[in-house]
N, C-alpha and C. Protein backbone atom coordinates (compact mmCIF):
# COMPACT_ATOMS: atom_id res chain seq x y z
N MET A 1 0.85 -1.27 -0.03
CA MET A 1 0.08 -0.09 0.01
C MET A 1 0.96 1.18 -0.01
N PRO A 2 0.48 2.25 -0.67
CA PRO A 2 1.30 3.51 -0.69
C PRO A 2 1.32 4.11 0.59
N VAL A 3 2.41 4.73 0.87
CA VAL A 3 2.35 5.38 2.40
C VAL A 3 2.47 6.86 2.00
N ASP A 4 1.44 7.52 2.52
CA ASP A 4 1.39 9.19 2.50
C ASP A 4 2.36 9.77 3.55
N LEU A 5 2.85 11.02 3.29
CA LEU A 5 3.61 11.72 4.30
C LEU A 5 2.37 12.15 5.34
N PRO A 6 2.79 12.27 6.61
CA PRO A 6 1.85 12.92 7.72
C PRO A 6 1.25 14.19 7.01
N GLY A 7 -0.01 14.33 7.23
CA GLY A 7 -0.79 15.60 6.92
C GLY A 7 -1.25 15.69 5.34
N VAL A 8 -0.75 14.79 4.46
CA VAL A 8 -1.05 14.87 3.10
C VAL A 8 -2.35 14.41 2.89
N VAL A 9 -3.20 15.21 2.25
CA VAL A 9 -4.67 14.89 1.93
C VAL A 9 -4.65 14.42 0.52
N ARG A 10 -5.05 13.16 0.30
CA ARG A 10 -5.03 12.81 -0.94
C ARG A 10 -6.47 13.09 -1.67
N LEU A 11 -6.50 14.21 -2.43
CA LEU A 11 -7.87 14.62 -2.83
C LEU A 11 -8.47 13.51 -3.75
N ARG A 12 -7.85 12.80 -4.34
CA ARG A 12 -8.39 11.96 -5.35
C ARG A 12 -9.29 10.73 -4.59
N ASP A 13 -8.99 10.47 -3.24
CA ASP A 13 -9.55 9.39 -2.53
C ASP A 13 -10.66 10.08 -1.60
N GLN A 14 -10.92 11.19 -1.75
CA GLN A 14 -12.19 11.79 -1.09
C GLN A 14 -13.43 11.90 -1.96
N ARG A 15 -14.52 11.60 -1.28
CA ARG A 15 -15.76 11.76 -1.97
C ARG A 15 -16.04 13.07 -2.61
N GLU A 16 -15.53 14.08 -1.83
CA GLU A 16 -15.83 15.34 -2.46
C GLU A 16 -14.66 16.03 -3.33
N ALA A 17 -14.03 15.07 -3.85
CA ALA A 17 -12.82 15.55 -4.48
C ALA A 17 -13.15 16.61 -5.65
N LEU A 18 -14.16 16.38 -6.37
CA LEU A 18 -14.45 17.29 -7.47
C LEU A 18 -14.77 18.57 -6.98
N THR A 19 -15.61 18.99 -5.82
CA THR A 19 -15.93 20.13 -5.21
C THR A 19 -14.66 20.88 -4.62
N LEU A 20 -13.97 19.90 -3.96
CA LEU A 20 -12.83 20.49 -3.39
C LEU A 20 -11.77 21.12 -4.48
N ARG A 21 -11.51 20.21 -5.50
CA ARG A 21 -10.58 20.77 -6.44
C ARG A 21 -11.14 21.96 -7.23
N THR A 22 -12.40 22.04 -7.37
CA THR A 22 -12.95 23.14 -8.11
C THR A 22 -12.81 24.51 -7.23
N ILE A 23 -13.07 24.35 -6.03
CA ILE A 23 -12.90 25.48 -5.12
C ILE A 23 -11.41 25.89 -5.13
N LEU A 24 -10.55 24.96 -4.93
CA LEU A 24 -9.16 25.28 -4.86
C LEU A 24 -8.69 25.76 -6.18
N THR A 25 -8.93 25.41 -7.34
CA THR A 25 -8.72 25.86 -8.58
C THR A 25 -9.01 27.29 -8.64
N ALA A 26 -10.20 27.63 -8.33
CA ALA A 26 -10.66 29.06 -8.42
C ALA A 26 -9.81 29.89 -7.31
N ALA A 27 -9.63 29.41 -6.15
CA ALA A 27 -8.67 30.21 -5.13
C ALA A 27 -7.39 30.33 -5.64
N ARG A 28 -6.84 29.45 -6.39
CA ARG A 28 -5.59 29.42 -6.84
C ARG A 28 -5.44 30.56 -7.87
N ARG A 29 -6.46 30.63 -8.80
CA ARG A 29 -6.57 31.53 -9.74
C ARG A 29 -6.55 33.04 -9.26
N LEU A 30 -7.51 33.14 -8.17
CA LEU A 30 -7.82 34.40 -7.74
C LEU A 30 -6.58 35.11 -6.72
N PHE A 31 -6.16 34.06 -5.85
CA PHE A 31 -5.00 34.50 -5.09
C PHE A 31 -3.77 35.02 -5.96
N ALA A 32 -3.45 34.30 -7.10
CA ALA A 32 -2.55 34.77 -7.97
C ALA A 32 -2.77 35.95 -8.67
N GLU A 33 -4.07 36.38 -8.94
CA GLU A 33 -4.40 37.47 -9.78
C GLU A 33 -4.53 38.67 -8.60
N SER A 34 -5.24 38.53 -7.52
CA SER A 34 -5.57 39.59 -6.78
C SER A 34 -4.82 39.68 -5.35
N GLY A 35 -4.23 38.64 -5.03
CA GLY A 35 -3.47 38.47 -3.70
C GLY A 35 -4.67 37.72 -2.76
N TYR A 36 -4.00 37.11 -1.58
CA TYR A 36 -4.75 36.41 -0.67
C TYR A 36 -5.62 37.43 0.02
N ALA A 37 -5.12 38.47 0.51
CA ALA A 37 -5.82 39.48 1.54
C ALA A 37 -7.04 40.01 0.76
N ARG A 38 -6.84 40.23 -0.47
CA ARG A 38 -7.78 41.10 -1.27
C ARG A 38 -8.94 39.99 -1.95
N THR A 39 -8.85 38.61 -1.52
CA THR A 39 -9.75 37.81 -2.21
C THR A 39 -10.75 37.31 -1.19
N PRO A 40 -12.05 37.82 -1.22
CA PRO A 40 -12.98 37.24 -0.05
C PRO A 40 -13.42 35.97 -0.46
N ILE A 41 -14.02 35.19 0.63
CA ILE A 41 -14.61 33.98 0.34
C ILE A 41 -15.70 33.92 -0.84
N ARG A 42 -16.62 35.16 -0.64
CA ARG A 42 -17.63 35.19 -1.55
C ARG A 42 -17.22 35.29 -3.13
N ARG A 43 -15.90 35.84 -3.21
CA ARG A 43 -15.49 35.80 -4.63
C ARG A 43 -15.02 34.43 -5.03
N ILE A 44 -14.49 33.76 -4.27
CA ILE A 44 -13.96 32.36 -4.45
C ILE A 44 -15.18 31.53 -4.80
N ALA A 45 -16.32 31.75 -4.01
CA ALA A 45 -17.58 30.89 -4.29
C ALA A 45 -18.20 31.26 -5.70
N GLN A 46 -18.18 32.44 -5.96
CA GLN A 46 -18.53 32.84 -7.40
C GLN A 46 -17.87 32.21 -8.25
N GLU A 47 -16.62 32.28 -8.21
CA GLU A 47 -15.70 31.72 -9.36
C GLU A 47 -15.99 30.24 -9.41
N ALA A 48 -16.06 29.48 -8.15
CA ALA A 48 -16.26 28.15 -8.19
C ALA A 48 -17.58 27.60 -8.52
N GLY A 49 -18.47 28.55 -8.49
CA GLY A 49 -19.92 28.11 -8.88
C GLY A 49 -20.42 27.34 -7.50
N VAL A 50 -20.20 27.59 -6.41
CA VAL A 50 -20.72 27.15 -5.15
C VAL A 50 -21.12 28.14 -4.14
N SER A 51 -21.68 27.88 -3.19
CA SER A 51 -22.25 28.90 -2.18
C SER A 51 -21.07 29.03 -1.27
N PRO A 52 -20.94 30.34 -0.56
CA PRO A 52 -19.85 30.49 0.48
C PRO A 52 -20.06 29.42 1.55
N GLN A 53 -21.09 28.97 1.90
CA GLN A 53 -21.27 27.92 2.92
C GLN A 53 -20.60 26.71 2.66
N THR A 54 -20.78 26.40 1.35
CA THR A 54 -19.89 25.26 0.95
C THR A 54 -18.49 25.21 1.07
N ILE A 55 -17.86 26.46 0.92
CA ILE A 55 -16.49 26.76 1.17
C ILE A 55 -16.15 26.52 2.63
N TYR A 56 -17.02 27.05 3.52
CA TYR A 56 -16.87 27.09 4.92
C TYR A 56 -16.98 25.61 5.45
N THR A 57 -17.92 24.97 4.85
CA THR A 57 -18.08 23.43 5.27
C THR A 57 -16.89 22.58 4.87
N CYS A 58 -16.46 22.83 3.65
CA CYS A 58 -15.19 22.05 3.15
C CYS A 58 -13.95 22.58 3.75
N PHE A 59 -13.67 23.81 4.13
CA PHE A 59 -12.31 24.32 4.60
C PHE A 59 -12.38 24.90 5.81
N GLY A 60 -13.46 25.34 6.30
CA GLY A 60 -13.58 26.07 7.66
C GLY A 60 -13.35 27.65 7.52
N SER A 61 -12.49 27.99 6.76
CA SER A 61 -12.15 29.52 6.73
C SER A 61 -11.27 29.71 5.38
N LYS A 62 -11.03 30.96 5.16
CA LYS A 62 -10.07 31.26 4.05
C LYS A 62 -8.80 30.55 4.22
N ALA A 63 -8.34 30.76 5.59
CA ALA A 63 -6.97 30.16 5.81
C ALA A 63 -7.04 28.68 5.51
N GLY A 64 -8.29 28.13 5.75
CA GLY A 64 -8.22 26.61 5.44
C GLY A 64 -8.22 26.38 3.93
N VAL A 65 -8.69 27.20 3.27
CA VAL A 65 -8.73 27.07 1.66
C VAL A 65 -7.06 27.09 1.16
N LEU A 66 -6.39 28.11 1.86
CA LEU A 66 -5.00 28.37 1.44
C LEU A 66 -4.25 27.07 1.79
N THR A 67 -4.52 26.28 3.03
CA THR A 67 -3.87 25.24 3.42
C THR A 67 -4.29 24.16 2.28
N GLY A 68 -5.33 24.09 2.01
CA GLY A 68 -5.92 23.23 0.81
C GLY A 68 -4.99 23.43 -0.52
N LEU A 69 -4.54 24.58 -0.77
CA LEU A 69 -3.73 24.66 -1.77
C LEU A 69 -2.47 23.82 -1.82
N VAL A 70 -1.75 23.68 -0.51
CA VAL A 70 -0.79 22.76 -0.28
C VAL A 70 -1.01 21.34 -0.64
N ASP A 71 -2.34 20.97 -0.25
CA ASP A 71 -2.86 19.50 -0.65
C ASP A 71 -2.93 19.67 -2.19
N LEU A 72 -3.59 20.69 -2.81
CA LEU A 72 -3.62 20.44 -4.25
C LEU A 72 -2.34 20.51 -5.05
N MET A 73 -1.35 21.21 -4.42
CA MET A 73 0.07 21.13 -4.99
C MET A 73 0.67 19.87 -4.96
N ASP A 74 0.34 19.08 -3.76
CA ASP A 74 1.07 17.67 -3.76
C ASP A 74 0.32 16.96 -4.70
N ASP A 75 -0.92 17.13 -4.96
CA ASP A 75 -1.69 16.21 -6.05
C ASP A 75 -1.40 16.52 -7.51
N VAL A 76 -1.37 17.75 -7.69
CA VAL A 76 -0.90 18.23 -9.08
C VAL A 76 0.44 17.86 -9.52
N ALA A 77 1.26 17.99 -8.43
CA ALA A 77 2.75 17.59 -8.93
C ALA A 77 2.96 15.91 -8.77
N GLY A 78 1.97 15.26 -8.37
CA GLY A 78 2.02 13.79 -8.36
C GLY A 78 2.85 13.19 -7.21
N MET A 79 2.67 13.89 -5.93
CA MET A 79 3.46 13.61 -4.74
C MET A 79 3.11 12.05 -4.40
N PRO A 80 1.72 11.84 -4.50
CA PRO A 80 1.22 10.36 -3.85
C PRO A 80 1.78 9.28 -4.70
N ASP A 81 1.87 9.60 -6.08
CA ASP A 81 2.57 8.55 -6.92
C ASP A 81 4.00 8.37 -6.78
N LEU A 82 4.84 9.56 -6.56
CA LEU A 82 6.08 9.56 -6.11
C LEU A 82 6.34 8.71 -4.90
N MET A 83 5.50 9.02 -3.97
CA MET A 83 5.63 8.21 -2.52
C MET A 83 5.49 6.76 -2.83
N ALA A 84 4.48 6.36 -3.62
CA ALA A 84 4.35 4.92 -3.90
C ALA A 84 5.65 4.38 -4.60
N ALA A 85 6.20 5.14 -5.57
CA ALA A 85 7.34 4.61 -6.05
C ALA A 85 8.54 4.64 -5.12
N LEU A 86 8.65 5.46 -4.15
CA LEU A 86 9.62 5.53 -3.25
C LEU A 86 9.48 4.22 -2.23
N GLU A 87 8.17 3.84 -1.98
CA GLU A 87 8.10 2.63 -1.05
C GLU A 87 8.63 1.30 -1.64
N GLY A 88 8.68 1.27 -3.11
CA GLY A 88 9.21 -0.01 -3.61
C GLY A 88 10.67 0.10 -4.10
N THR A 89 11.21 1.19 -3.72
CA THR A 89 12.73 1.55 -4.31
C THR A 89 13.73 1.37 -3.15
N THR A 90 14.93 0.82 -3.44
CA THR A 90 15.90 0.62 -2.47
C THR A 90 17.43 1.06 -3.25
N ASP A 91 17.30 1.31 -4.39
CA ASP A 91 18.54 1.70 -4.98
C ASP A 91 18.70 3.32 -4.77
N PRO A 92 19.98 3.72 -4.33
CA PRO A 92 20.15 5.05 -3.86
C PRO A 92 20.08 5.96 -5.03
N ASP A 93 20.58 5.57 -6.22
CA ASP A 93 20.34 6.48 -7.35
C ASP A 93 19.04 6.76 -7.83
N GLU A 94 18.26 5.79 -7.77
CA GLU A 94 16.68 5.98 -7.91
C GLU A 94 16.10 6.63 -6.84
N LEU A 95 16.43 6.54 -5.69
CA LEU A 95 15.84 7.41 -4.51
C LEU A 95 16.14 8.83 -4.90
N ILE A 96 17.56 9.11 -4.99
CA ILE A 96 18.01 10.40 -5.30
C ILE A 96 17.19 11.04 -6.71
N GLY A 97 17.04 10.28 -7.70
CA GLY A 97 16.10 10.67 -8.74
C GLY A 97 14.78 11.10 -8.45
N LEU A 98 14.13 10.37 -7.45
CA LEU A 98 12.70 10.75 -7.06
C LEU A 98 12.73 12.08 -6.37
N LEU A 99 13.93 12.38 -5.47
CA LEU A 99 13.86 13.64 -4.88
C LEU A 99 14.00 14.74 -6.04
N ALA A 100 14.92 14.70 -7.06
CA ALA A 100 15.19 15.62 -7.95
C ALA A 100 13.81 15.84 -8.78
N LEU A 101 13.08 14.70 -9.08
CA LEU A 101 11.73 14.72 -9.79
C LEU A 101 10.79 15.64 -8.93
N ALA A 102 10.69 15.28 -7.80
CA ALA A 102 9.69 15.85 -6.98
C ALA A 102 9.93 17.36 -6.99
N ALA A 103 11.22 17.83 -6.81
CA ALA A 103 11.53 19.35 -6.90
C ALA A 103 11.22 19.87 -8.16
N ARG A 104 11.41 19.23 -9.34
CA ARG A 104 11.16 19.70 -10.56
C ARG A 104 9.67 19.85 -10.69
N ARG A 105 8.83 18.76 -10.55
CA ARG A 105 7.42 18.89 -10.62
C ARG A 105 6.70 19.93 -9.87
N LEU A 106 7.25 20.18 -8.45
CA LEU A 106 6.53 21.13 -7.83
C LEU A 106 6.66 22.47 -8.28
N ARG A 107 7.99 22.95 -8.74
CA ARG A 107 8.28 23.99 -9.43
C ARG A 107 7.68 24.42 -10.79
N GLU A 108 7.62 23.18 -11.66
CA GLU A 108 7.22 23.28 -12.89
C GLU A 108 5.73 23.54 -12.97
N HIS A 109 4.96 22.73 -12.21
CA HIS A 109 3.47 22.57 -12.27
C HIS A 109 2.82 23.54 -11.18
N CYS A 110 3.61 23.83 -10.19
CA CYS A 110 2.90 24.67 -9.13
C CYS A 110 3.80 26.03 -8.61
N GLY A 111 4.34 26.44 -9.46
CA GLY A 111 5.36 27.66 -9.25
C GLY A 111 4.21 28.83 -8.74
N ASP A 112 3.17 28.99 -9.26
CA ASP A 112 2.38 30.19 -8.92
C ASP A 112 1.91 29.97 -7.38
N ILE A 113 1.63 28.79 -6.93
CA ILE A 113 1.26 28.44 -5.47
C ILE A 113 2.54 28.92 -4.59
N LEU A 114 3.66 28.39 -5.03
CA LEU A 114 4.85 28.65 -4.20
C LEU A 114 5.09 30.22 -4.13
N ALA A 115 4.86 30.88 -5.45
CA ALA A 115 5.15 32.25 -5.26
C ALA A 115 4.11 33.03 -4.33
N ILE A 116 2.92 32.40 -4.37
CA ILE A 116 1.95 33.10 -3.24
C ILE A 116 2.24 33.01 -1.98
N LEU A 117 2.89 31.80 -1.61
CA LEU A 117 3.32 31.40 -0.27
C LEU A 117 4.45 32.18 0.02
N ASN A 118 5.50 32.15 -0.80
CA ASN A 118 6.75 33.01 -0.50
C ASN A 118 6.68 34.32 -0.45
N SER A 119 5.89 35.14 -1.24
CA SER A 119 5.68 36.49 -1.25
C SER A 119 4.72 37.01 -0.19
N GLY A 120 3.90 36.22 0.33
CA GLY A 120 2.95 36.65 1.33
C GLY A 120 3.39 36.36 2.74
N ALA A 121 4.36 35.34 2.84
CA ALA A 121 4.57 34.64 4.25
C ALA A 121 5.20 35.83 5.26
N ALA A 122 5.76 36.97 4.55
CA ALA A 122 6.33 37.87 5.51
C ALA A 122 5.43 38.73 6.12
N VAL A 123 4.26 38.99 5.45
CA VAL A 123 3.21 40.06 5.93
C VAL A 123 1.96 39.45 6.28
N ASP A 124 1.75 38.21 6.09
CA ASP A 124 0.32 37.61 6.49
C ASP A 124 0.57 36.31 7.29
N PRO A 125 -0.02 36.30 8.47
CA PRO A 125 0.29 35.12 9.54
C PRO A 125 -0.39 33.70 8.87
N ASP A 126 -1.43 33.75 8.10
CA ASP A 126 -2.13 32.85 7.55
C ASP A 126 -1.05 32.01 6.40
N ILE A 127 -0.62 32.90 5.69
CA ILE A 127 0.32 32.43 4.66
C ILE A 127 1.46 31.93 5.18
N ALA A 128 2.16 32.57 6.27
CA ALA A 128 3.19 32.19 6.81
C ALA A 128 3.02 30.74 7.41
N ALA A 129 1.90 30.64 8.03
CA ALA A 129 1.43 29.25 8.65
C ALA A 129 1.49 28.21 7.72
N THR A 130 0.94 28.57 6.50
CA THR A 130 0.69 27.44 5.30
C THR A 130 2.01 27.26 4.77
N ARG A 131 2.86 28.36 4.57
CA ARG A 131 4.14 27.93 4.04
C ARG A 131 5.08 26.97 4.95
N ALA A 132 4.74 27.40 6.19
CA ALA A 132 5.52 26.37 7.16
C ALA A 132 5.09 24.95 7.00
N GLU A 133 3.85 24.79 6.74
CA GLU A 133 3.38 23.38 6.66
C GLU A 133 3.97 22.88 5.37
N GLY A 134 4.05 23.44 4.19
CA GLY A 134 4.50 23.04 3.08
C GLY A 134 5.97 22.72 3.40
N THR A 135 6.82 23.47 3.88
CA THR A 135 8.20 23.37 4.39
C THR A 135 8.35 22.02 5.10
N ARG A 136 7.45 21.74 6.06
CA ARG A 136 7.53 20.68 6.98
C ARG A 136 7.44 19.23 6.19
N ARG A 137 6.42 19.30 5.14
CA ARG A 137 6.14 18.15 4.43
C ARG A 137 7.32 18.00 3.66
N ASN A 138 7.89 19.03 3.03
CA ASN A 138 9.14 18.73 2.11
C ASN A 138 10.13 18.18 2.98
N ARG A 139 10.35 18.54 4.19
CA ARG A 139 11.50 18.10 4.89
C ARG A 139 11.45 16.55 5.15
N LEU A 140 10.01 16.45 5.66
CA LEU A 140 9.67 14.95 5.95
C LEU A 140 10.13 14.03 4.87
N GLY A 141 9.65 14.49 3.51
CA GLY A 141 9.95 13.79 2.35
C GLY A 141 11.49 13.30 2.16
N VAL A 142 12.08 14.49 2.44
CA VAL A 142 13.49 14.26 2.26
C VAL A 142 14.24 13.58 3.31
N GLU A 143 13.80 13.58 4.50
CA GLU A 143 14.33 12.79 5.59
C GLU A 143 14.16 11.21 5.33
N MET A 144 12.72 11.08 4.78
CA MET A 144 12.36 9.77 4.50
C MET A 144 13.36 9.13 3.45
N VAL A 145 13.58 9.89 2.40
CA VAL A 145 14.61 9.30 1.44
C VAL A 145 15.99 8.99 1.83
N VAL A 146 16.46 9.96 2.64
CA VAL A 146 17.78 10.04 3.17
C VAL A 146 17.90 8.70 4.27
N GLU A 147 16.85 8.49 4.93
CA GLU A 147 17.01 7.14 5.83
C GLU A 147 16.79 6.00 5.07
N ARG A 148 16.24 6.17 4.09
CA ARG A 148 15.91 4.82 3.21
C ARG A 148 17.53 4.46 2.50
N ILE A 149 18.02 5.58 2.03
CA ILE A 149 19.54 5.40 1.33
C ILE A 149 20.45 4.88 2.59
N ARG A 150 20.16 5.49 3.79
CA ARG A 150 21.31 5.08 4.86
C ARG A 150 20.96 3.56 5.26
N ALA A 151 19.71 3.16 5.05
CA ALA A 151 19.37 1.79 5.50
C ALA A 151 19.85 0.63 4.53
N THR A 152 20.22 1.22 3.32
CA THR A 152 20.78 0.26 2.32
C THR A 152 22.27 -0.07 2.68
N GLY A 153 22.89 0.76 3.70
CA GLY A 153 24.35 0.52 3.94
C GLY A 153 25.27 1.44 3.53
N HIS A 154 24.78 2.53 2.67
CA HIS A 154 25.59 3.43 1.96
C HIS A 154 25.96 4.40 3.11
N SER A 155 27.21 5.24 2.66
CA SER A 155 27.73 6.05 3.58
C SER A 155 26.92 7.30 3.34
N VAL A 156 26.15 7.87 4.11
CA VAL A 156 25.53 9.10 3.89
C VAL A 156 25.93 10.20 4.86
N ASP A 157 26.00 11.35 4.50
CA ASP A 157 26.59 12.55 5.04
C ASP A 157 25.56 12.82 6.22
N VAL A 158 26.24 12.98 7.53
CA VAL A 158 25.37 13.24 8.77
C VAL A 158 24.32 14.36 8.46
N LYS A 159 24.68 15.41 7.65
CA LYS A 159 23.77 16.38 7.31
C LYS A 159 23.05 16.43 6.18
N ALA A 160 22.89 15.19 5.66
CA ALA A 160 22.40 14.92 4.25
C ALA A 160 20.97 15.65 4.02
N THR A 161 20.13 15.65 5.15
CA THR A 161 18.82 16.24 5.02
C THR A 161 18.91 17.64 4.68
N ASP A 162 19.72 18.37 5.69
CA ASP A 162 19.96 19.84 5.46
C ASP A 162 20.49 20.23 4.21
N ILE A 163 21.42 19.43 3.72
CA ILE A 163 22.07 19.64 2.41
C ILE A 163 21.01 19.62 1.27
N ALA A 164 20.28 18.34 1.46
CA ALA A 164 19.23 18.28 0.29
C ALA A 164 18.23 19.37 0.11
N VAL A 165 17.69 19.70 1.43
CA VAL A 165 16.69 20.81 1.51
C VAL A 165 17.19 22.10 0.82
N ALA A 166 18.44 22.31 1.18
CA ALA A 166 19.07 23.62 0.74
C ALA A 166 19.20 23.60 -1.03
N LEU A 167 19.76 22.44 -1.36
CA LEU A 167 19.89 22.25 -2.85
C LEU A 167 18.45 22.19 -3.63
N MET A 168 17.37 21.87 -3.01
CA MET A 168 16.18 21.85 -3.54
C MET A 168 15.41 22.90 -3.38
N SER A 169 16.00 23.99 -2.67
CA SER A 169 15.24 25.18 -2.33
C SER A 169 14.66 26.11 -3.44
N ASP A 170 13.77 26.86 -3.21
CA ASP A 170 13.21 27.79 -4.33
C ASP A 170 14.38 28.66 -4.96
N GLY A 171 15.20 29.09 -3.97
CA GLY A 171 16.13 30.15 -4.30
C GLY A 171 17.07 29.59 -5.57
N VAL A 172 17.56 28.14 -5.18
CA VAL A 172 18.41 27.64 -6.21
C VAL A 172 17.75 27.42 -7.40
N HIS A 173 16.51 26.73 -7.28
CA HIS A 173 15.72 26.63 -8.65
C HIS A 173 15.49 27.87 -9.46
N ASP A 174 15.10 28.98 -8.74
CA ASP A 174 14.91 30.36 -9.41
C ASP A 174 16.02 30.86 -9.89
N SER A 175 17.21 30.66 -9.33
CA SER A 175 18.62 31.32 -9.91
C SER A 175 18.91 30.50 -11.15
N LEU A 176 18.68 29.30 -11.34
CA LEU A 176 19.13 28.42 -12.29
C LEU A 176 18.08 28.54 -13.61
N VAL A 177 16.87 28.36 -13.11
CA VAL A 177 15.67 28.17 -14.16
C VAL A 177 15.21 29.74 -14.80
N ILE A 178 15.09 30.56 -13.79
CA ILE A 178 14.52 31.91 -14.08
C ILE A 178 15.63 32.87 -14.38
N ASP A 179 16.52 32.87 -13.67
CA ASP A 179 17.60 34.00 -13.82
C ASP A 179 18.62 33.46 -14.98
N ALA A 180 19.05 32.19 -14.89
CA ALA A 180 19.96 31.85 -15.98
C ALA A 180 19.40 31.08 -17.15
N GLY A 181 18.05 30.84 -17.05
CA GLY A 181 17.31 30.45 -18.27
C GLY A 181 17.57 28.96 -18.53
N TRP A 182 17.71 28.19 -17.54
CA TRP A 182 17.98 26.68 -17.70
C TRP A 182 16.45 26.07 -18.04
N SER A 183 16.38 25.00 -18.74
CA SER A 183 15.05 24.31 -18.93
C SER A 183 14.96 23.48 -17.56
N HIS A 184 13.69 22.84 -17.37
CA HIS A 184 13.44 22.05 -16.31
C HIS A 184 14.19 20.62 -16.35
N ASP A 185 14.28 20.32 -17.64
CA ASP A 185 15.15 18.99 -17.85
C ASP A 185 16.59 19.28 -17.26
N ASP A 186 17.08 20.52 -17.68
CA ASP A 186 18.51 20.78 -17.32
C ASP A 186 18.67 20.75 -15.59
N TYR A 187 17.58 21.66 -15.05
CA TYR A 187 17.47 21.61 -13.53
C TYR A 187 17.47 20.23 -12.91
N GLU A 188 16.65 19.38 -13.44
CA GLU A 188 16.39 18.06 -12.87
C GLU A 188 17.78 17.17 -12.92
N ILE A 189 18.22 17.28 -14.15
CA ILE A 189 19.53 16.54 -14.33
C ILE A 189 20.56 16.93 -13.37
N TRP A 190 20.74 18.27 -13.29
CA TRP A 190 21.84 18.74 -12.51
C TRP A 190 21.53 18.64 -11.01
N LEU A 191 20.32 18.61 -10.60
CA LEU A 191 19.89 18.44 -9.20
C LEU A 191 20.16 17.09 -8.85
N ARG A 192 19.80 16.02 -9.76
CA ARG A 192 19.95 14.60 -9.54
C ARG A 192 21.49 14.20 -9.19
N ARG A 193 22.31 14.93 -10.18
CA ARG A 193 23.78 14.54 -10.06
C ARG A 193 24.31 15.41 -8.87
N THR A 194 23.96 16.55 -8.58
CA THR A 194 24.45 17.21 -7.40
C THR A 194 24.06 16.77 -6.17
N LEU A 195 22.76 16.22 -5.92
CA LEU A 195 22.38 15.44 -4.76
C LEU A 195 23.19 14.17 -4.66
N GLY A 196 23.37 13.57 -5.65
CA GLY A 196 24.14 12.11 -5.52
C GLY A 196 25.48 12.54 -5.06
N SER A 197 26.21 13.59 -5.69
CA SER A 197 27.59 13.79 -5.09
C SER A 197 27.70 14.22 -3.66
N ALA A 198 26.71 15.06 -3.16
CA ALA A 198 26.76 15.68 -1.97
C ALA A 198 26.17 14.74 -0.83
N LEU A 199 25.25 13.84 -1.13
CA LEU A 199 24.69 13.06 -0.05
C LEU A 199 25.57 11.58 0.07
N VAL A 200 25.78 11.09 -0.89
CA VAL A 200 26.25 9.65 -0.79
C VAL A 200 27.76 9.66 -1.13
N ALA A 201 28.55 8.92 -0.25
CA ALA A 201 30.01 8.99 -0.57
C ALA A 201 30.30 7.86 -1.57
N SER A 202 31.29 8.38 -2.49
CA SER A 202 31.69 7.44 -3.50
C SER A 202 32.60 6.19 -2.91
N PRO A 203 32.60 5.05 -3.71
CA PRO A 203 33.49 4.04 -3.15
C PRO A 203 34.79 4.44 -2.80
N ALA A 204 35.44 5.30 -3.69
CA ALA A 204 36.62 5.85 -3.26
C ALA A 204 36.86 6.60 -2.05
N SER A 205 35.70 7.44 -1.87
CA SER A 205 35.79 8.34 -0.58
C SER A 205 35.59 7.42 0.61
N ARG A 206 34.95 6.38 0.42
CA ARG A 206 34.73 5.43 1.63
C ARG A 206 36.10 4.73 1.98
N ARG A 207 36.64 4.28 0.99
CA ARG A 207 37.90 3.58 1.18
C ARG A 207 38.97 4.66 1.83
N ALA A 208 38.81 5.88 1.37
CA ALA A 208 39.98 6.93 2.02
C ALA A 208 39.55 7.21 3.50
N ASP A 209 38.16 7.07 3.80
CA ASP A 209 37.71 7.30 5.11
C ASP A 209 38.15 6.35 6.02
N GLN A 210 37.96 5.00 5.39
CA GLN A 210 38.19 3.85 6.18
C GLN A 210 39.92 3.74 6.57
N ALA A 211 40.64 4.27 5.52
CA ALA A 211 42.03 4.13 5.69
C ALA A 211 42.65 5.19 6.75
N GLU A 212 41.83 6.24 7.03
CA GLU A 212 42.36 7.22 7.87
C GLU A 212 42.29 6.94 9.36
């Protein structure tokens, strides 16, 4: 059975999936256009073709809708499928490849949601809390992969999780893809190679460490 990260809501498995996705898609568009603070629940309801009460029933508040965007982001980026692939993988190169693919998918398909969270976190506590939840989930995923690699008996840097999170950060992606004009293919290939070099010691390195 696929294993979800704690807190991940698999929209496809919920009976209300279509309504939830419709609401979240509308909120995603409106938050990107007008900003979180300037988008009232009634406007999201109008855009989604539902009543405001339906939104309150599904999400509790506008902050709940924002948190739902993190769930949508996971779903759109295919995180449940990647988690299922992770569950059946023990090869370190493949595990690191899944990390690189996850980072690529999130930014390629959900860059607008990440921009909403990153730009608003400093001024809005709701956005800051939601961004923190996204960061928590990301770190849990990285830790899971690092521990799986370590369990295979490979020598893994003691700060591997910190290193991977830094390499997979928005700033590194934006510097390479937005500023330098790399394609997402270029970014994924570079990230996979760099993560592999940074996290897992080569056989030569392991022999040198053992000789010291």
